Amino acid sequence: MYKNILFATDLSQETEYLIKKVHGMRGYTGAKLNLIHVVEPLPGYSYAYLGIEDIEGQLIQESHDALAKLGEQLNVPADAQWVEVGPTKTKILQLAAKINADLVMCGSHGRHGLSLLLGSTANSVLHGAKCDVLMVRLPE
């Protein structure tokens, strides 16, 4: 059974729905739980237009705060909470390999049409992970 779960979250409102699933899987398996949230880097020209030099730093700090609250809710220690900056799919896959996760859990909106053709983070994680992946279908 699973011993090391990585829960990848975008910290959106839908996270509440996923928490029940993650909590259930953890309770069923007794696995260690790690949390990751990835902040996508802003394009360089954004700073000039927005006139805000450290908006990325603010996003990172807000992400740390939100992930800490989620960690408290799920009883995950700080050393198992990860806020990364970069391409989401790449950072999730890198961390899963680094911590030897045997299951990655994340939500999926079940995109169709053009957005499916262009790909999604969930699809990239599903096909790129070296371990099992559980995609939780988010309510419409």
N, C-alpha and C. Protein backbone atom coordinates (compact mmCIF):
# COMPACT_ATOMS: atom_id res chain seq x y z
N MET A 1 0.84 -1.18 0.00
CA MET A 1 0.00 0.00 0.00
C MET A 1 0.89 1.24 0.00
N TYR A 2 0.28 2.38 -0.15
CA TYR A 2 1.04 3.63 -0.26
C TYR A 2 1.66 4.03 1.08
N LYS A 3 2.90 4.52 0.98
CA LYS A 3 3.62 4.94 2.18
C LYS A 3 3.96 6.42 2.17
N ASN A 4 3.96 7.05 0.98
CA ASN A 4 4.39 8.43 0.85
C ASN A 4 3.56 9.13 -0.23
N ILE A 5 2.61 9.94 0.20
CA ILE A 5 1.68 10.62 -0.72
C ILE A 5 2.10 12.07 -0.88
N LEU A 6 2.06 12.54 -2.13
CA LEU A 6 2.28 13.95 -2.43
C LEU A 6 0.95 14.53 -2.90
N PHE A 7 0.44 15.49 -2.16
CA PHE A 7 -0.81 16.18 -2.53
C PHE A 7 -0.44 17.51 -3.16
N ALA A 8 -0.70 17.62 -4.46
CA ALA A 8 -0.43 18.84 -5.21
C ALA A 8 -1.70 19.68 -5.23
N THR A 9 -1.60 20.90 -4.71
CA THR A 9 -2.78 21.74 -4.59
C THR A 9 -2.54 23.12 -5.20
N ASP A 10 -3.59 23.68 -5.78
CA ASP A 10 -3.49 25.05 -6.28
C ASP A 10 -4.03 26.04 -5.25
N LEU A 11 -4.42 25.53 -4.09
CA LEU A 11 -4.92 26.35 -2.97
C LEU A 11 -6.18 27.14 -3.34
N SER A 12 -6.93 26.64 -4.30
CA SER A 12 -8.17 27.30 -4.69
C SER A 12 -9.31 26.84 -3.77
N GLN A 13 -10.49 27.33 -4.02
CA GLN A 13 -11.66 26.94 -3.22
C GLN A 13 -11.94 25.44 -3.34
N GLU A 14 -11.55 24.85 -4.47
CA GLU A 14 -11.79 23.43 -4.68
C GLU A 14 -10.93 22.55 -3.78
N THR A 15 -9.93 23.13 -3.15
CA THR A 15 -9.06 22.37 -2.25
C THR A 15 -9.88 21.71 -1.15
N GLU A 16 -10.91 22.38 -0.67
CA GLU A 16 -11.76 21.81 0.39
C GLU A 16 -12.34 20.48 -0.03
N TYR A 17 -12.76 20.38 -1.29
CA TYR A 17 -13.30 19.12 -1.81
C TYR A 17 -12.23 18.03 -1.80
N LEU A 18 -11.02 18.42 -2.19
CA LEU A 18 -9.92 17.46 -2.27
C LEU A 18 -9.44 16.99 -0.91
N ILE A 19 -9.53 17.87 0.09
CA ILE A 19 -9.05 17.54 1.43
C ILE A 19 -9.72 16.27 1.95
N LYS A 20 -11.00 16.13 1.71
CA LYS A 20 -11.72 14.94 2.17
C LYS A 20 -11.14 13.68 1.53
N LYS A 21 -10.83 13.77 0.25
CA LYS A 21 -10.27 12.61 -0.47
C LYS A 21 -8.86 12.29 0.04
N VAL A 22 -8.04 13.33 0.20
CA VAL A 22 -6.67 13.14 0.68
C VAL A 22 -6.69 12.57 2.10
N HIS A 23 -7.53 13.14 2.95
CA HIS A 23 -7.64 12.68 4.33
C HIS A 23 -8.07 11.21 4.37
N GLY A 24 -9.02 10.85 3.52
CA GLY A 24 -9.49 9.46 3.47
C GLY A 24 -8.40 8.50 3.01
N MET A 25 -7.66 8.89 1.96
CA MET A 25 -6.58 8.03 1.46
C MET A 25 -5.48 7.88 2.51
N ARG A 26 -5.16 8.97 3.16
CA ARG A 26 -4.12 8.91 4.20
C ARG A 26 -4.58 8.02 5.36
N GLY A 27 -5.83 8.18 5.76
CA GLY A 27 -6.35 7.35 6.84
C GLY A 27 -6.38 5.88 6.48
N TYR A 28 -6.70 5.59 5.24
CA TYR A 28 -6.78 4.20 4.77
C TYR A 28 -5.40 3.57 4.69
N THR A 29 -4.40 4.35 4.26
CA THR A 29 -3.06 3.79 4.04
C THR A 29 -2.10 4.02 5.19
N GLY A 30 -2.34 5.04 6.00
CA GLY A 30 -1.40 5.40 7.05
C GLY A 30 -0.14 6.05 6.50
N ALA A 31 -0.19 6.53 5.27
CA ALA A 31 0.98 7.08 4.59
C ALA A 31 1.40 8.44 5.14
N LYS A 32 2.68 8.75 4.94
CA LYS A 32 3.18 10.09 5.20
C LYS A 32 2.59 10.99 4.11
N LEU A 33 2.24 12.21 4.48
CA LEU A 33 1.65 13.13 3.53
C LEU A 33 2.55 14.34 3.35
N ASN A 34 2.81 14.70 2.10
CA ASN A 34 3.55 15.90 1.73
C ASN A 34 2.61 16.79 0.93
N LEU A 35 2.78 18.09 1.06
CA LEU A 35 1.97 19.06 0.33
C LEU A 35 2.86 19.89 -0.58
N ILE A 36 2.39 20.17 -1.79
CA ILE A 36 3.10 21.08 -2.68
C ILE A 36 2.13 22.04 -3.33
N HIS A 37 2.57 23.28 -3.40
CA HIS A 37 1.89 24.31 -4.18
C HIS A 37 2.97 24.99 -5.02
N VAL A 38 2.68 25.19 -6.30
CA VAL A 38 3.65 25.79 -7.19
C VAL A 38 3.17 27.16 -7.62
N VAL A 39 4.04 28.14 -7.47
CA VAL A 39 3.78 29.50 -7.94
C VAL A 39 4.42 29.62 -9.31
N GLU A 40 3.60 29.87 -10.31
CA GLU A 40 4.13 30.06 -11.67
C GLU A 40 4.84 31.40 -11.72
N PRO A 41 6.05 31.45 -12.27
CA PRO A 41 6.75 32.74 -12.36
C PRO A 41 6.02 33.70 -13.29
N LEU A 42 6.02 34.95 -12.91
CA LEU A 42 5.40 35.97 -13.75
C LEU A 42 6.36 36.36 -14.86
N PRO A 43 5.83 36.63 -16.06
CA PRO A 43 6.71 37.10 -17.13
C PRO A 43 7.36 38.42 -16.73
N GLY A 44 8.59 38.64 -17.17
CA GLY A 44 9.33 39.84 -16.81
C GLY A 44 8.62 41.13 -17.12
N TYR A 45 7.86 41.17 -18.22
CA TYR A 45 7.17 42.41 -18.58
C TYR A 45 6.03 42.75 -17.63
N SER A 46 5.56 41.79 -16.85
CA SER A 46 4.48 42.05 -15.90
C SER A 46 4.89 43.09 -14.86
N TYR A 47 6.14 43.03 -14.46
CA TYR A 47 6.61 43.96 -13.43
C TYR A 47 6.54 45.39 -13.92
N ALA A 48 6.89 45.60 -15.17
CA ALA A 48 6.88 46.96 -15.71
C ALA A 48 5.46 47.50 -15.80
N TYR A 49 4.54 46.66 -16.27
CA TYR A 49 3.15 47.11 -16.42
C TYR A 49 2.45 47.29 -15.08
N LEU A 50 2.74 46.42 -14.15
CA LEU A 50 2.06 46.49 -12.86
C LEU A 50 2.70 47.50 -11.93
N GLY A 51 3.96 47.82 -12.18
CA GLY A 51 4.64 48.76 -11.32
C GLY A 51 4.89 48.21 -9.93
N ILE A 52 4.86 46.91 -9.79
CA ILE A 52 5.08 46.26 -8.49
C ILE A 52 6.30 45.37 -8.62
N GLU A 53 7.32 45.68 -7.85
CA GLU A 53 8.58 44.95 -8.01
C GLU A 53 8.56 43.58 -7.37
N ASP A 54 7.85 43.42 -6.28
CA ASP A 54 7.93 42.15 -5.57
C ASP A 54 6.58 41.43 -5.51
N ILE A 55 5.83 41.48 -6.60
CA ILE A 55 4.54 40.78 -6.58
C ILE A 55 4.74 39.28 -6.47
N GLU A 56 5.78 38.76 -7.11
CA GLU A 56 6.07 37.34 -7.02
C GLU A 56 6.41 36.94 -5.59
N GLY A 57 7.20 37.78 -4.92
CA GLY A 57 7.54 37.52 -3.53
C GLY A 57 6.30 37.50 -2.65
N GLN A 58 5.36 38.39 -2.93
CA GLN A 58 4.11 38.43 -2.18
C GLN A 58 3.30 37.16 -2.43
N LEU A 59 3.26 36.71 -3.68
CA LEU A 59 2.54 35.47 -4.01
C LEU A 59 3.16 34.27 -3.29
N ILE A 60 4.48 34.27 -3.23
CA ILE A 60 5.17 33.17 -2.56
C ILE A 60 4.85 33.18 -1.06
N GLN A 61 4.88 34.35 -0.45
CA GLN A 61 4.58 34.44 0.99
C GLN A 61 3.14 34.03 1.28
N GLU A 62 2.20 34.49 0.44
CA GLU A 62 0.80 34.11 0.62
C GLU A 62 0.63 32.61 0.46
N SER A 63 1.37 32.03 -0.45
CA SER A 63 1.31 30.58 -0.67
C SER A 63 1.83 29.83 0.55
N HIS A 64 2.95 30.30 1.11
CA HIS A 64 3.49 29.68 2.34
C HIS A 64 2.45 29.74 3.46
N ASP A 65 1.81 30.89 3.62
CA ASP A 65 0.81 31.05 4.69
C ASP A 65 -0.38 30.11 4.48
N ALA A 66 -0.87 30.06 3.24
CA ALA A 66 -2.03 29.21 2.95
C ALA A 66 -1.67 27.73 3.09
N LEU A 67 -0.47 27.36 2.66
CA LEU A 67 -0.07 25.96 2.77
C LEU A 67 0.14 25.57 4.23
N ALA A 68 0.62 26.51 5.03
CA ALA A 68 0.78 26.25 6.47
C ALA A 68 -0.58 25.97 7.12
N LYS A 69 -1.60 26.73 6.73
CA LYS A 69 -2.96 26.49 7.26
C LYS A 69 -3.46 25.13 6.83
N LEU A 70 -3.22 24.78 5.57
CA LEU A 70 -3.64 23.47 5.08
C LEU A 70 -2.87 22.37 5.81
N GLY A 71 -1.59 22.59 6.02
CA GLY A 71 -0.77 21.63 6.76
C GLY A 71 -1.28 21.41 8.17
N GLU A 72 -1.70 22.49 8.79
CA GLU A 72 -2.27 22.38 10.14
C GLU A 72 -3.56 21.58 10.11
N GLN A 73 -4.38 21.84 9.12
CA GLN A 73 -5.66 21.15 8.98
C GLN A 73 -5.47 19.65 8.74
N LEU A 74 -4.43 19.29 7.96
CA LEU A 74 -4.17 17.89 7.63
C LEU A 74 -3.09 17.25 8.50
N ASN A 75 -2.61 18.00 9.50
CA ASN A 75 -1.58 17.51 10.40
C ASN A 75 -0.31 17.10 9.64
N VAL A 76 0.15 18.02 8.78
CA VAL A 76 1.37 17.81 8.01
C VAL A 76 2.43 18.77 8.54
N PRO A 77 3.57 18.26 8.98
CA PRO A 77 4.61 19.14 9.54
C PRO A 77 5.20 20.07 8.47
N ALA A 78 5.79 21.15 8.93
CA ALA A 78 6.35 22.16 8.03
C ALA A 78 7.40 21.59 7.09
N ASP A 79 8.17 20.61 7.54
CA ASP A 79 9.21 20.06 6.67
C ASP A 79 8.65 19.15 5.57
N ALA A 80 7.34 18.97 5.52
CA ALA A 80 6.69 18.20 4.46
C ALA A 80 5.76 19.10 3.64
N GLN A 81 5.97 20.41 3.75
CA GLN A 81 5.19 21.40 2.99
C GLN A 81 6.14 22.11 2.04
N TRP A 82 5.80 22.14 0.78
CA TRP A 82 6.69 22.67 -0.25
C TRP A 82 5.99 23.73 -1.07
N VAL A 83 6.57 24.92 -1.13
CA VAL A 83 6.15 25.96 -2.07
C VAL A 83 7.30 26.12 -3.05
N GLU A 84 7.02 25.85 -4.30
CA GLU A 84 8.04 25.91 -5.35
C GLU A 84 7.66 26.99 -6.36
N VAL A 85 8.66 27.51 -7.06
CA VAL A 85 8.44 28.50 -8.11
C VAL A 85 8.95 27.92 -9.41
N GLY A 86 8.09 27.90 -10.41
CA GLY A 86 8.49 27.38 -11.72
C GLY A 86 7.29 26.79 -12.43
N PRO A 87 7.55 26.02 -13.47
CA PRO A 87 6.45 25.35 -14.19
C PRO A 87 5.81 24.30 -13.28
N THR A 88 4.52 24.37 -13.11
CA THR A 88 3.82 23.52 -12.15
C THR A 88 4.09 22.05 -12.37
N LYS A 89 3.86 21.57 -13.57
CA LYS A 89 4.01 20.13 -13.82
C LYS A 89 5.44 19.66 -13.53
N THR A 90 6.43 20.46 -13.91
CA THR A 90 7.82 20.10 -13.69
C THR A 90 8.15 20.03 -12.21
N LYS A 91 7.71 21.01 -11.45
CA LYS A 91 8.01 21.06 -10.02
C LYS A 91 7.34 19.91 -9.27
N ILE A 92 6.11 19.58 -9.64
CA ILE A 92 5.41 18.46 -8.99
C ILE A 92 6.16 17.16 -9.26
N LEU A 93 6.53 16.93 -10.51
CA LEU A 93 7.22 15.69 -10.87
C LEU A 93 8.60 15.61 -10.21
N GLN A 94 9.31 16.73 -10.16
CA GLN A 94 10.63 16.75 -9.52
C GLN A 94 10.53 16.43 -8.03
N LEU A 95 9.55 17.03 -7.36
CA LEU A 95 9.41 16.77 -5.93
C LEU A 95 8.97 15.33 -5.68
N ALA A 96 8.06 14.83 -6.49
CA ALA A 96 7.61 13.44 -6.32
C ALA A 96 8.81 12.50 -6.39
N ALA A 97 9.71 12.75 -7.33
CA ALA A 97 10.91 11.91 -7.45
C ALA A 97 11.85 12.13 -6.26
N LYS A 98 12.04 13.37 -5.86
CA LYS A 98 12.97 13.70 -4.77
C LYS A 98 12.57 13.04 -3.45
N ILE A 99 11.27 13.04 -3.15
CA ILE A 99 10.81 12.50 -1.87
C ILE A 99 10.39 11.04 -1.98
N ASN A 100 10.57 10.45 -3.16
CA ASN A 100 10.17 9.06 -3.41
C ASN A 100 8.69 8.83 -3.14
N ALA A 101 7.86 9.73 -3.62
CA ALA A 101 6.41 9.56 -3.46
C ALA A 101 5.98 8.31 -4.23
N ASP A 102 5.06 7.57 -3.66
CA ASP A 102 4.52 6.44 -4.38
C ASP A 102 3.08 6.71 -4.85
N LEU A 103 2.57 7.90 -4.50
CA LEU A 103 1.27 8.34 -5.00
C LEU A 103 1.25 9.87 -5.04
N VAL A 104 0.82 10.40 -6.17
CA VAL A 104 0.57 11.85 -6.30
C VAL A 104 -0.93 12.02 -6.43
N MET A 105 -1.49 12.90 -5.60
CA MET A 105 -2.92 13.20 -5.67
C MET A 105 -3.09 14.66 -6.07
N CYS A 106 -4.01 14.90 -7.00
CA CYS A 106 -4.35 16.27 -7.37
C CYS A 106 -5.72 16.28 -8.01
N GLY A 107 -6.24 17.47 -8.21
CA GLY A 107 -7.57 17.63 -8.78
C GLY A 107 -7.49 17.83 -10.28
N SER A 108 -8.59 17.49 -10.95
CA SER A 108 -8.68 17.67 -12.39
C SER A 108 -10.06 18.20 -12.72
N HIS A 109 -10.06 19.18 -13.62
CA HIS A 109 -11.33 19.75 -14.07
C HIS A 109 -11.93 18.97 -15.23
N GLY A 110 -11.22 17.97 -15.74
CA GLY A 110 -11.74 17.17 -16.85
C GLY A 110 -11.96 18.00 -18.09
N ARG A 111 -10.98 18.75 -18.48
CA ARG A 111 -11.09 19.66 -19.63
C ARG A 111 -11.37 18.89 -20.91
N HIS A 112 -12.01 19.57 -21.83
CA HIS A 112 -12.35 18.97 -23.13
C HIS A 112 -11.92 19.92 -24.23
N GLY A 113 -11.94 19.43 -25.44
CA GLY A 113 -11.71 20.29 -26.59
C GLY A 113 -10.31 20.87 -26.64
N LEU A 114 -10.24 22.16 -26.95
CA LEU A 114 -8.96 22.83 -27.18
C LEU A 114 -8.05 22.78 -25.96
N SER A 115 -8.59 22.98 -24.76
CA SER A 115 -7.71 22.97 -23.59
C SER A 115 -7.14 21.58 -23.34
N LEU A 116 -7.85 20.51 -23.73
CA LEU A 116 -7.30 19.18 -23.61
C LEU A 116 -6.18 18.98 -24.62
N LEU A 117 -6.38 19.48 -25.84
CA LEU A 117 -5.35 19.40 -26.87
C LEU A 117 -4.07 20.10 -26.43
N LEU A 118 -4.21 21.26 -25.81
CA LEU A 118 -3.06 22.03 -25.38
C LEU A 118 -2.42 21.43 -24.14
N GLY A 119 -3.14 20.58 -23.47
CA GLY A 119 -2.59 19.92 -22.29
C GLY A 119 -2.96 20.63 -21.01
N SER A 120 -2.81 19.94 -19.92
CA SER A 120 -3.11 20.50 -18.61
C SER A 120 -2.07 19.99 -17.63
N THR A 121 -2.01 20.63 -16.49
CA THR A 121 -1.09 20.17 -15.45
C THR A 121 -1.42 18.74 -15.05
N ALA A 122 -2.70 18.46 -14.85
CA ALA A 122 -3.11 17.12 -14.43
C ALA A 122 -2.67 16.07 -15.45
N ASN A 123 -2.86 16.36 -16.71
CA ASN A 123 -2.49 15.43 -17.76
C ASN A 123 -0.98 15.21 -17.79
N SER A 124 -0.22 16.28 -17.62
CA SER A 124 1.24 16.18 -17.61
C SER A 124 1.75 15.36 -16.43
N VAL A 125 1.14 15.57 -15.27
CA VAL A 125 1.53 14.81 -14.09
C VAL A 125 1.17 13.34 -14.29
N LEU A 126 -0.02 13.10 -14.80
CA LEU A 126 -0.49 11.73 -15.02
C LEU A 126 0.47 10.95 -15.92
N HIS A 127 0.92 11.57 -16.97
CA HIS A 127 1.77 10.87 -17.94
C HIS A 127 3.26 10.96 -17.63
N GLY A 128 3.66 11.87 -16.75
CA GLY A 128 5.08 12.04 -16.46
C GLY A 128 5.55 11.43 -15.16
N ALA A 129 4.63 11.10 -14.28
CA ALA A 129 5.01 10.58 -12.96
C ALA A 129 5.56 9.16 -13.06
N LYS A 130 6.52 8.87 -12.21
CA LYS A 130 7.10 7.52 -12.13
C LYS A 130 6.38 6.68 -11.07
N CYS A 131 5.35 7.26 -10.47
CA CYS A 131 4.57 6.55 -9.44
C CYS A 131 3.10 6.63 -9.83
N ASP A 132 2.25 6.06 -8.99
CA ASP A 132 0.81 6.13 -9.22
C ASP A 132 0.33 7.57 -9.06
N VAL A 133 -0.71 7.89 -9.79
CA VAL A 133 -1.32 9.21 -9.74
C VAL A 133 -2.82 9.03 -9.56
N LEU A 134 -3.38 9.76 -8.61
CA LEU A 134 -4.82 9.75 -8.41
C LEU A 134 -5.35 11.15 -8.74
N MET A 135 -6.10 11.23 -9.82
CA MET A 135 -6.74 12.48 -10.21
C MET A 135 -8.15 12.45 -9.65
N VAL A 136 -8.46 13.46 -8.87
CA VAL A 136 -9.81 13.58 -8.30
C VAL A 136 -10.60 14.53 -9.16
N ARG A 137 -11.68 14.05 -9.71
CA ARG A 137 -12.53 14.88 -10.57
C ARG A 137 -13.19 15.94 -9.70
N LEU A 138 -12.95 17.19 -10.04
CA LEU A 138 -13.54 18.30 -9.29
C LEU A 138 -14.96 18.56 -9.77
N PRO A 139 -15.84 18.95 -8.87
CA PRO A 139 -17.21 19.24 -9.28
C PRO A 139 -17.23 20.42 -10.25
N GLU A 140 -18.15 20.35 -11.20
CA GLU A 140 -18.29 21.43 -12.19
C GLU A 140 -18.83 22.68 -11.55
